[in-house]
Amino acid sequence: MLQRIGLGAVFIVALLAFSLAGLWFAMTPPRLPVPAQAVAVIKDVTLVNPGLDRAQHVDIAISGGVIRAIGPTTAGSKPGDIRCPGCTALPGLMDMHAHLPPRALVGNPELFSLLFLANGVTTIREMGSADGGAYAIRDAIATGRFPGPRVISCGRVLDGDPPTRPNNVLIRTPAEGRAEVRKAVAHRARCIKLYNMVRREVVLAVADEAAKAGVPIVAHTPHSVSLLDAPYLADIQHLTGVPETSDVKKLGRDDYINADFAHLTDARIAAVTAAALRQHTIHTPALINEESRRTLGDPVRYPPDPQIAVLPDFWSVAWRQIWAPPNVGPDHAIYEGFLRRDRDAVQTFLSSGVAVYAGTDTLMPFVAPGSSLKSEVKDFAGLGLTPEQALSHATTLPGRFWKDRTYGRIAVGLPADIVLYRRDPTASLDALETLQTVIADGRVYPRATLDAWVERYRRHFHGKLYGRVMAVVTQILKSQYKP
């Protein structure tokens, strides 16, 4: 009898495992054929490195994922060459504040990666992996398992006790902080991400360990340190630490109090600007992230980016469940004041020579992967930059962030990350919509192919089975993201 019960239990477990495997397979998006790294010549284009140089009628030879030669165009071509007469070649765009979905959201890492490429983004700085999965995604893209941008990961987000979000990694002591830096470096993280609640002595230990390893620190300015005296923080996110806190208890674990930003003084902006210039501090504001949160409170007045419609429906549901609208009722005026002073600070940074990078903060409410970076660049142009200057903040300038390697530029010996446009985006940013070909790590993706893949994925992720299952998964994961 017991033997029969045991065999029955084994059968039930095996049947359940088989069913779950089948469900996972059904929910996994179609595999896309990643092209091999091309051996080709891009023929007769205008090459523009925004803010640096420009050359007309050039050929660009690529192989093995690297730019091998650049020179005056020559007559004739051979099979495999890329012809785009009259096109402008720009370095692939770089999103310097991006997040990738956790692997439990089946297929979403592949979807986000595809959308980055389809919008001309060939490199992302992955700013904190919720589940540690960014390393595996990075390696999968690099080895051609699915199409996507180069992923340069900062590893897990390091936070203090209590953590700002449950999925952040706790570092309570200097020893724990040093250990987490070493762990991240062992996973080939190229930066270290600090968050709000890390104590000062732990921040300093992390900074010392990161400096020994040669990896920069990117941060939500921890509440325990002053932005005016923190040269060890290489890149500040969202202008955290810029407004002075009026009420420490009210601030709690948040980045800042919106009303404090709304009342940000010119004197404080000047002090932060001077400190950034003195300490060589970079700021990555992700203006589009704050703009997009307006949609939570008033989707009619502030409709979402059209490319949000490609994402599975559960994203919009989850965003509304996790984040409260910041712009409803009396909070509306405060939030608009916050947005104005946020831009005033960034405009001062830009006009004063502070290094500012374009980033978006994908995974945040209604921030569309890829297309939101184009909106961020347009925001920079709206603060007084020319189109070419604005584009430099998403290409040539952030391409110098890592001291041991250069990205964001079309030059011999650098990665073959190139985007071809029918019209010149440095003359008008509207020309970003004339993308013809994306070359990422030497892999060539024609626009028509990318568009077809996006549509194929849109249909998959809006299927009934996917929607029903992920609605359940979203409820389970929600607690890991809600502060």
Protein backbone atom coordinates (compact mmCIF):
# COMPACT_ATOMS: atom_id res chain seq x y z
CA MET A 1 0.00 0.00 0.00
CA LEU A 2 2.75 2.44 1.03
CA GLN A 3 4.64 1.54 -2.13
CA ARG A 4 1.59 2.41 -4.23
CA ILE A 5 1.19 5.75 -2.43
CA GLY A 6 4.89 6.47 -3.00
CA LEU A 7 4.65 5.68 -6.69
CA GLY A 8 1.53 7.82 -6.96
CA ALA A 9 3.24 10.75 -5.31
CA VAL A 10 6.20 10.45 -7.66
CA PHE A 11 3.82 10.35 -10.61
CA ILE A 12 1.99 13.48 -9.42
CA VAL A 13 5.24 15.38 -8.85
CA ALA A 14 6.52 14.34 -12.27
CA LEU A 15 3.24 15.36 -13.91
CA LEU A 16 3.33 18.73 -12.15
CA ALA A 17 6.94 19.33 -13.19
CA PHE A 18 6.10 18.38 -16.78
CA SER A 19 3.10 20.73 -16.77
CA LEU A 20 5.14 23.63 -15.38
CA ALA A 21 7.86 23.01 -17.96
CA GLY A 22 5.25 23.01 -20.69
CA LEU A 23 3.73 26.23 -19.36
CA TRP A 24 7.15 27.89 -19.24
CA PHE A 25 7.84 26.78 -22.81
CA ALA A 26 4.48 28.15 -24.00
CA MET A 27 5.17 31.51 -22.38
CA THR A 28 8.72 31.85 -23.71
CA PRO A 29 8.80 34.17 -26.74
CA PRO A 30 9.93 32.88 -30.13
CA ARG A 31 13.69 32.63 -30.44
CA LEU A 32 15.08 35.28 -32.76
CA PRO A 33 17.97 34.47 -35.14
CA VAL A 34 20.92 36.56 -33.96
CA PRO A 35 23.26 37.35 -36.87
CA ALA A 36 26.95 36.54 -36.65
CA GLN A 37 29.40 39.40 -36.30
CA ALA A 38 29.73 40.82 -39.77
CA VAL A 39 32.80 41.21 -41.92
CA ALA A 40 31.62 44.16 -43.98
CA VAL A 41 32.16 47.72 -45.12
CA ILE A 42 29.59 50.44 -44.48
CA LYS A 43 29.75 52.38 -47.73
CA ASP A 44 29.67 56.12 -48.39
CA VAL A 45 28.15 57.61 -45.23
CA THR A 46 28.59 60.80 -43.26
CA LEU A 47 30.28 59.86 -40.00
CA VAL A 48 29.45 62.02 -36.97
CA ASN A 49 30.89 61.66 -33.50
CA PRO A 50 28.66 64.19 -31.71
CA GLY A 51 30.65 67.06 -30.27
CA LEU A 52 33.93 65.74 -31.67
CA ASP A 53 34.24 65.36 -35.42
CA ARG A 54 32.45 64.83 -38.71
CA ALA A 55 33.50 63.36 -42.07
CA GLN A 56 31.55 62.99 -45.31
CA HIS A 57 31.72 60.21 -47.89
CA VAL A 58 33.55 57.65 -45.77
CA ASP A 59 33.68 53.86 -45.66
CA ILE A 60 33.77 52.07 -42.30
CA ALA A 61 35.18 48.54 -42.21
CA ILE A 62 34.08 46.21 -39.40
CA SER A 63 34.91 42.65 -38.41
CA GLY A 64 34.95 40.64 -35.20
CA GLY A 65 32.77 43.24 -33.52
CA VAL A 66 35.44 45.94 -33.96
CA ILE A 67 35.87 48.93 -36.27
CA ARG A 68 38.93 48.03 -38.37
CA ALA A 69 39.32 50.95 -40.77
CA ILE A 70 37.79 54.30 -41.70
CA GLY A 71 38.64 56.12 -44.90
CA PRO A 72 37.37 57.94 -48.00
CA THR A 73 34.74 55.96 -49.83
CA THR A 74 35.84 53.87 -52.78
CA ALA A 75 34.01 52.69 -55.86
CA GLY A 76 32.42 49.28 -55.91
CA SER A 77 31.35 46.94 -53.16
CA LYS A 78 31.27 43.26 -52.37
CA PRO A 79 28.54 40.94 -51.05
CA GLY A 80 27.82 41.65 -47.43
CA ASP A 81 28.71 45.32 -47.58
CA ILE A 82 26.19 47.76 -46.13
CA ARG A 83 25.01 50.40 -48.56
CA CYS A 84 23.07 53.39 -47.31
CA PRO A 85 23.85 56.29 -49.66
CA GLY A 86 23.34 59.68 -48.03
CA CYS A 87 22.94 58.16 -44.55
CA THR A 88 24.42 59.54 -41.36
CA ALA A 89 26.40 57.14 -39.16
CA LEU A 90 26.28 57.90 -35.44
CA PRO A 91 27.69 55.93 -32.52
CA GLY A 92 25.03 53.71 -31.01
CA LEU A 93 23.13 55.43 -28.22
CA MET A 94 24.06 54.71 -24.59
CA ASP A 95 21.44 54.57 -21.82
CA MET A 96 23.41 55.29 -18.66
CA HIS A 97 20.62 54.40 -16.24
CA ALA A 98 18.73 51.28 -17.23
CA HIS A 99 17.32 48.25 -15.44
CA LEU A 100 16.44 44.86 -16.91
CA PRO A 101 13.43 42.80 -15.79
CA PRO A 102 13.89 39.89 -13.38
CA ARG A 103 14.03 36.49 -15.05
CA ALA A 104 10.80 35.39 -13.35
CA LEU A 105 8.99 37.67 -15.81
CA VAL A 106 9.35 35.12 -18.57
CA GLY A 107 10.68 36.57 -21.83
CA ASN A 108 10.75 40.18 -20.63
CA PRO A 109 14.56 40.45 -20.56
CA GLU A 110 14.50 39.47 -24.25
CA LEU A 111 11.69 41.94 -24.99
CA PHE A 112 13.40 44.89 -23.28
CA SER A 113 16.69 44.05 -24.97
CA LEU A 114 15.02 44.01 -28.39
CA LEU A 115 13.30 47.35 -27.78
CA PHE A 116 16.60 48.96 -26.85
CA LEU A 117 18.09 47.83 -30.16
CA ALA A 118 15.03 48.84 -32.19
CA ASN A 119 15.53 52.41 -30.96
CA GLY A 120 19.24 52.60 -31.72
CA VAL A 121 20.47 51.91 -28.17
CA THR A 122 23.52 49.65 -28.39
CA THR A 123 24.87 49.98 -24.84
CA ILE A 124 23.16 50.17 -21.46
CA ARG A 125 24.65 50.68 -18.03
CA GLU A 126 22.56 48.27 -15.98
CA MET A 127 22.10 50.09 -12.69
CA GLY A 128 21.13 47.39 -10.25
CA SER A 129 19.78 43.93 -10.91
CA ALA A 130 16.84 43.01 -8.69
CA ASP A 131 17.59 39.28 -8.80
CA GLY A 132 21.21 39.23 -9.94
CA GLY A 133 20.04 38.12 -13.38
CA ALA A 134 21.69 40.96 -15.29
CA TYR A 135 24.98 39.05 -15.38
CA ALA A 136 23.34 36.13 -17.18
CA ILE A 137 21.48 38.48 -19.54
CA ARG A 138 24.73 40.30 -20.30
CA ASP A 139 26.45 37.03 -21.17
CA ALA A 140 23.51 35.72 -23.21
CA ILE A 141 23.51 38.81 -25.41
CA ALA A 142 27.29 38.83 -25.76
CA THR A 143 27.32 35.21 -26.91
CA GLY A 144 24.47 35.70 -29.39
CA ARG A 145 21.69 33.79 -27.60
CA PHE A 146 19.27 36.66 -28.21
CA PRO A 147 19.58 40.18 -29.67
CA GLY A 148 20.25 43.13 -27.44
CA PRO A 149 22.59 45.94 -26.50
CA ARG A 150 25.90 45.63 -24.73
CA VAL A 151 25.06 45.31 -21.02
CA ILE A 152 27.56 46.86 -18.62
CA SER A 153 26.36 45.80 -15.20
CA CYS A 154 26.75 47.43 -11.77
CA GLY A 155 25.57 44.24 -10.08
CA ARG A 156 23.11 44.29 -7.17
CA VAL A 157 22.03 47.51 -5.42
CA LEU A 158 23.82 47.90 -2.07
CA ASP A 159 21.76 49.50 0.69
CA GLY A 160 21.72 50.01 4.44
CA ASP A 161 19.41 48.83 7.19
CA PRO A 162 16.48 49.21 6.77
CA PRO A 163 16.76 48.97 2.98
CA THR A 164 14.89 51.35 0.70
CA ARG A 165 13.51 48.37 -1.22
CA PRO A 166 13.30 44.74 -0.07
CA ASN A 167 15.33 43.42 -3.01
CA ASN A 168 18.38 45.62 -2.26
CA VAL A 169 21.42 43.89 -0.74
CA LEU A 170 22.01 44.83 2.90
CA ILE A 171 25.49 46.01 3.92
CA ARG A 172 25.52 46.86 7.63
CA THR A 173 29.26 46.95 8.30
CA PRO A 174 32.42 48.01 6.42
CA ALA A 175 33.42 44.35 6.15
CA GLU A 176 30.09 43.44 4.53
CA GLY A 177 30.46 46.37 2.14
CA ARG A 178 33.94 45.32 1.07
CA ALA A 179 32.79 41.72 0.61
CA GLU A 180 29.93 42.79 -1.68
CA VAL A 181 32.31 44.86 -3.81
CA ARG A 182 34.62 41.87 -4.21
CA LYS A 183 31.65 39.66 -5.07
CA ALA A 184 30.46 42.10 -7.74
CA VAL A 185 33.93 42.40 -9.25
CA ALA A 186 34.17 38.61 -9.38
CA HIS A 187 31.01 38.70 -11.53
CA ARG A 188 32.72 41.26 -13.79
CA ALA A 189 30.58 44.18 -12.63
CA ARG A 190 32.00 47.41 -14.06
CA CYS A 191 30.52 49.75 -11.44
CA ILE A 192 29.08 49.61 -7.91
CA LYS A 193 25.60 50.95 -7.07
CA LEU A 194 24.98 52.48 -3.63
CA TYR A 195 21.59 53.46 -2.26
CA ASN A 196 19.99 55.75 0.29
CA MET A 197 20.43 54.05 3.64
CA VAL A 198 24.12 53.05 3.69
CA ARG A 199 25.93 54.40 6.76
CA ARG A 200 28.87 56.75 6.21
CA GLU A 201 31.59 54.40 7.48
CA VAL A 202 30.23 51.68 5.20
CA VAL A 203 30.14 54.08 2.24
CA LEU A 204 33.80 54.94 2.81
CA ALA A 205 34.77 51.26 3.04
CA VAL A 206 32.92 50.48 -0.19
CA ALA A 207 34.59 53.47 -1.87
CA ASP A 208 38.03 52.28 -0.77
CA GLU A 209 37.44 48.71 -1.96
CA ALA A 210 35.96 49.88 -5.27
CA ALA A 211 38.94 52.18 -5.86
CA LYS A 212 41.33 49.27 -5.32
CA ALA A 213 39.39 47.26 -7.90
CA GLY A 214 39.24 50.19 -10.34
CA VAL A 215 35.43 50.29 -10.52
CA PRO A 216 33.52 53.57 -10.11
CA ILE A 217 30.66 54.13 -7.68
CA VAL A 218 27.28 55.25 -8.99
CA ALA A 219 24.78 56.23 -6.36
CA HIS A 220 21.59 57.53 -5.01
CA THR A 221 23.44 59.85 -2.63
CA PRO A 222 23.29 58.05 0.73
CA HIS A 223 21.59 60.13 3.42
CA SER A 224 24.71 59.75 5.57
CA VAL A 225 26.98 61.80 3.28
CA SER A 226 26.99 65.29 1.79
CA LEU A 227 27.09 65.72 -1.96
CA LEU A 228 29.34 68.73 -1.40
CA ASP A 229 32.06 66.50 0.03
CA ALA A 230 31.84 63.12 -1.69
CA PRO A 231 34.53 62.87 -4.40
CA TYR A 232 34.35 59.06 -4.15
CA LEU A 233 30.86 59.07 -5.73
CA ALA A 234 31.58 59.15 -9.45
CA ASP A 235 28.03 59.51 -10.77
CA ILE A 236 24.93 60.75 -8.92
CA GLN A 237 21.51 59.49 -9.98
CA HIS A 238 18.30 61.57 -10.12
CA LEU A 239 20.01 64.59 -8.51
CA THR A 240 19.69 62.85 -5.14
CA GLY A 241 21.42 64.88 -2.47
CA VAL A 242 20.90 68.12 -4.39
CA PRO A 243 17.96 69.48 -2.34
CA GLU A 244 18.55 69.98 1.36
CA THR A 245 16.20 67.91 3.53
CA SER A 246 13.64 69.86 5.52
CA ASP A 247 12.33 66.94 7.57
CA VAL A 248 14.52 63.88 8.16
CA LYS A 249 11.66 61.87 9.63
CA LYS A 250 9.40 62.59 6.65
CA LEU A 251 12.22 61.74 4.24
CA GLY A 252 12.60 58.28 5.75
CA ARG A 253 14.06 55.91 3.15
CA ASP A 254 13.00 57.98 0.12
CA ASP A 255 15.34 59.69 -2.32
CA TYR A 256 14.10 63.17 -1.42
CA ILE A 257 10.98 65.11 -0.53
CA ASN A 258 9.32 66.52 -3.65
CA ALA A 259 8.50 69.77 -1.87
CA ASP A 260 12.18 70.25 -0.99
CA PHE A 261 13.00 70.00 -4.69
CA ALA A 262 10.18 72.42 -5.53
CA HIS A 263 11.78 74.97 -3.16
CA LEU A 264 15.35 74.34 -4.29
CA THR A 265 17.24 77.65 -4.17
CA ASP A 266 19.58 79.08 -6.76
CA ALA A 267 22.26 79.27 -4.07
CA ARG A 268 22.00 75.54 -3.41
CA ILE A 269 22.18 74.77 -7.15
CA ALA A 270 25.29 76.95 -7.38
CA ALA A 271 26.90 75.15 -4.43
CA VAL A 272 26.21 71.73 -5.92
CA THR A 273 27.49 72.87 -9.31
CA ALA A 274 30.73 74.14 -7.77
CA ALA A 275 31.16 70.87 -5.88
CA ALA A 276 30.59 68.81 -9.04
CA LEU A 277 33.21 70.80 -10.93
CA ARG A 278 35.67 70.56 -8.02
CA GLN A 279 35.13 66.83 -7.45
CA HIS A 280 34.56 65.87 -11.13
CA THR A 281 31.15 64.49 -10.17
CA ILE A 282 28.86 63.30 -12.96
CA HIS A 283 25.08 63.63 -12.78
CA THR A 284 22.63 61.30 -14.55
CA PRO A 285 19.24 62.92 -13.88
CA ALA A 286 16.89 60.60 -15.84
CA LEU A 287 14.46 63.46 -16.38
CA ILE A 288 12.17 61.24 -18.43
CA ASN A 289 11.61 59.02 -15.39
CA GLU A 290 10.14 61.87 -13.37
CA GLU A 291 8.13 63.12 -16.36
CA SER A 292 6.66 59.69 -17.02
CA ARG A 293 5.28 59.41 -13.48
CA ARG A 294 2.76 62.10 -14.38
CA THR A 295 0.94 59.36 -16.28
CA LEU A 296 0.09 57.67 -12.97
CA GLY A 297 -2.08 60.60 -11.95
CA ASP A 298 -3.42 61.88 -15.27
CA PRO A 299 -3.02 59.49 -18.23
CA VAL A 300 -5.28 61.67 -20.40
CA ARG A 301 -3.21 64.82 -20.01
CA TYR A 302 0.06 62.88 -19.91
CA PRO A 303 -0.41 59.83 -22.16
CA PRO A 304 2.26 57.12 -22.01
CA ASP A 305 4.97 56.67 -24.59
CA PRO A 306 3.35 54.78 -27.52
CA GLN A 307 5.92 51.99 -27.21
CA ILE A 308 4.53 51.09 -23.78
CA ALA A 309 1.79 49.37 -25.80
CA VAL A 310 4.34 46.74 -26.88
CA LEU A 311 4.94 45.67 -23.27
CA PRO A 312 2.69 43.09 -21.61
CA ASP A 313 -0.37 44.60 -19.94
CA PHE A 314 0.77 43.57 -16.47
CA TRP A 315 3.40 46.34 -16.45
CA SER A 316 0.82 49.12 -16.37
CA VAL A 317 -1.13 47.27 -13.68
CA ALA A 318 1.96 46.68 -11.54
CA TRP A 319 3.18 50.26 -11.82
CA ARG A 320 -0.15 51.56 -10.53
CA GLN A 321 -0.13 49.07 -7.66
CA ILE A 322 3.43 49.82 -6.55
CA TRP A 323 3.72 53.58 -7.09
CA ALA A 324 1.26 56.21 -5.85
CA PRO A 325 0.52 59.06 -8.27
CA PRO A 326 2.76 62.00 -7.27
CA ASN A 327 0.63 64.63 -9.01
CA VAL A 328 -2.93 64.31 -7.68
CA GLY A 329 -4.85 67.02 -5.82
CA PRO A 330 -2.65 69.45 -3.86
CA ASP A 331 0.42 67.39 -4.80
CA HIS A 332 0.06 68.42 -8.44
CA ALA A 333 1.46 71.92 -7.95
CA ILE A 334 4.28 70.59 -5.78
CA TYR A 335 5.22 67.98 -8.37
CA GLU A 336 5.23 70.49 -11.21
CA GLY A 337 7.42 72.76 -9.08
CA PHE A 338 9.75 69.82 -8.47
CA LEU A 339 10.00 69.15 -12.20
CA ARG A 340 10.77 72.81 -12.94
CA ARG A 341 13.56 73.05 -10.39
CA ASP A 342 14.92 69.65 -11.40
CA ARG A 343 15.34 71.03 -14.92
CA ASP A 344 16.72 74.31 -13.67
CA ALA A 345 19.46 72.42 -11.85
CA VAL A 346 20.28 70.28 -14.90
CA GLN A 347 20.32 73.37 -17.13
CA THR A 348 22.81 75.01 -14.75
CA PHE A 349 24.96 71.89 -14.79
CA LEU A 350 24.98 71.83 -18.57
CA SER A 351 25.80 75.51 -18.99
CA SER A 352 28.55 75.33 -16.35
CA GLY A 353 30.40 72.33 -17.78
CA VAL A 354 29.32 69.69 -15.26
CA ALA A 355 29.32 66.22 -16.84
CA VAL A 356 25.70 65.11 -17.37
CA TYR A 357 24.72 61.76 -18.88
CA ALA A 358 21.50 60.67 -20.55
CA GLY A 359 19.69 57.87 -18.77
CA THR A 360 16.10 56.74 -18.35
CA ASP A 361 15.56 54.34 -15.41
CA THR A 362 13.67 51.64 -17.30
CA LEU A 363 11.39 49.46 -15.16
CA MET A 364 10.08 52.64 -13.53
CA PRO A 365 6.47 53.65 -14.33
CA PHE A 366 5.84 54.17 -18.05
CA VAL A 367 9.51 54.48 -18.99
CA ALA A 368 9.69 52.66 -22.33
CA PRO A 369 12.95 50.83 -23.05
CA GLY A 370 14.81 52.50 -25.91
CA SER A 371 12.36 55.16 -26.99
CA SER A 372 12.54 56.93 -23.62
CA LEU A 373 16.24 57.64 -24.22
CA LYS A 374 15.32 59.60 -27.33
CA SER A 375 12.90 61.59 -25.17
CA GLU A 376 15.68 62.23 -22.64
CA VAL A 377 17.94 63.56 -25.37
CA LYS A 378 15.13 65.85 -26.53
CA ASP A 379 14.74 67.05 -22.93
CA PHE A 380 18.41 68.04 -22.95
CA ALA A 381 17.89 69.94 -26.19
CA GLY A 382 14.96 71.71 -24.56
CA LEU A 383 17.37 73.01 -21.91
CA GLY A 384 19.33 74.99 -24.48
CA LEU A 385 21.56 72.43 -26.23
CA THR A 386 21.80 71.98 -29.97
CA PRO A 387 20.75 68.54 -31.31
CA GLU A 388 24.39 67.56 -31.71
CA GLN A 389 25.26 68.68 -28.19
CA ALA A 390 22.27 66.81 -26.78
CA LEU A 391 23.28 63.63 -28.62
CA SER A 392 26.82 63.86 -27.23
CA HIS A 393 25.35 63.24 -23.77
CA ALA A 394 24.10 59.84 -25.00
CA THR A 395 27.20 58.91 -27.02
CA THR A 396 30.67 60.45 -26.87
CA LEU A 397 30.53 61.87 -23.32
CA PRO A 398 29.32 58.75 -21.44
CA GLY A 399 31.57 56.67 -23.67
CA ARG A 400 34.49 57.99 -21.60
CA PHE A 401 33.05 56.94 -18.22
CA TRP A 402 35.17 53.78 -17.92
CA LYS A 403 38.89 54.56 -17.78
CA ASP A 404 39.99 51.21 -19.20
CA ARG A 405 37.74 51.15 -22.26
CA THR A 406 36.06 53.59 -24.64
CA TYR A 407 32.55 53.38 -26.06
CA GLY A 408 30.20 55.85 -27.72
CA ARG A 409 32.48 56.82 -30.59
CA ILE A 410 33.13 55.62 -34.15
CA ALA A 411 36.89 55.13 -34.32
CA VAL A 412 39.35 52.45 -35.38
CA GLY A 413 39.82 49.82 -32.69
CA LEU A 414 36.59 50.60 -30.84
CA PRO A 415 33.46 48.40 -30.69
CA ALA A 416 31.39 48.29 -33.87
CA ASP A 417 28.32 49.96 -32.35
CA ILE A 418 26.94 52.13 -35.14
CA VAL A 419 23.48 53.35 -36.13
CA LEU A 420 22.62 54.52 -39.64
CA TYR A 421 19.93 57.17 -40.20
CA ARG A 422 18.40 58.39 -43.46
CA ARG A 423 18.53 61.95 -42.15
CA ASP A 424 21.02 63.63 -39.84
CA PRO A 425 19.88 63.61 -36.17
CA THR A 426 22.50 66.22 -35.33
CA ALA A 427 20.55 68.65 -37.52
CA SER A 428 17.14 67.69 -36.12
CA LEU A 429 16.37 65.17 -33.40
CA ASP A 430 13.24 64.21 -35.32
CA ALA A 431 15.65 62.37 -37.63
CA LEU A 432 16.13 59.77 -34.88
CA GLU A 433 12.94 58.27 -36.31
CA THR A 434 14.66 57.67 -39.68
CA LEU A 435 16.79 54.80 -38.33
CA GLN A 436 17.73 52.34 -41.07
CA THR A 437 20.28 49.94 -39.63
CA VAL A 438 21.59 49.12 -36.16
CA ILE A 439 25.01 47.54 -35.77
CA ALA A 440 25.60 46.31 -32.22
CA ASP A 441 28.84 44.51 -31.39
CA GLY A 442 29.33 44.06 -35.12
CA ARG A 443 25.96 42.32 -35.59
CA VAL A 444 23.88 43.96 -38.31
CA TYR A 445 20.14 44.49 -37.74
CA PRO A 446 18.19 46.15 -40.59
CA ARG A 447 15.25 48.31 -39.54
CA ALA A 448 12.73 46.09 -41.30
CA THR A 449 13.98 43.05 -39.35
CA LEU A 450 13.79 44.85 -36.02
CA ASP A 451 10.28 46.13 -36.74
CA ALA A 452 9.10 42.64 -37.67
CA TRP A 453 10.60 41.16 -34.50
CA VAL A 454 8.98 43.83 -32.31
CA GLU A 455 5.58 43.09 -33.83
CA ARG A 456 6.10 39.36 -33.39
CA TYR A 457 6.92 39.90 -29.72
CA ARG A 458 3.99 42.28 -29.25
CA ARG A 459 1.59 39.56 -30.39
CA HIS A 460 3.21 36.97 -28.13
CA PHE A 461 3.19 39.10 -24.99
CA HIS A 462 -0.43 40.10 -25.48
CA GLY A 463 -1.66 36.52 -25.76
CA LYS A 464 -4.33 35.38 -23.28
CA LEU A 465 -2.21 32.65 -21.66
CA TYR A 466 0.70 34.99 -21.03
CA GLY A 467 -1.52 37.67 -19.55
CA ARG A 468 -3.29 35.33 -17.13
CA VAL A 469 -0.18 33.63 -15.80
CA MET A 470 1.86 36.81 -15.43
CA ALA A 471 -0.93 38.53 -13.53
CA VAL A 472 -0.35 35.94 -10.80
CA VAL A 473 3.45 36.21 -10.98
CA THR A 474 3.23 40.00 -10.75
CA GLN A 475 1.31 39.81 -7.48
CA ILE A 476 4.00 37.52 -6.05
CA LEU A 477 6.87 39.80 -7.16
CA LYS A 478 5.18 43.05 -6.14
CA SER A 479 6.34 42.79 -2.53
CA GLN A 480 9.96 42.71 -3.71
CA TYR A 481 9.72 46.15 -5.30
CA LYS A 482 7.29 48.12 -3.16
CA PRO A 483 9.17 50.27 -0.63
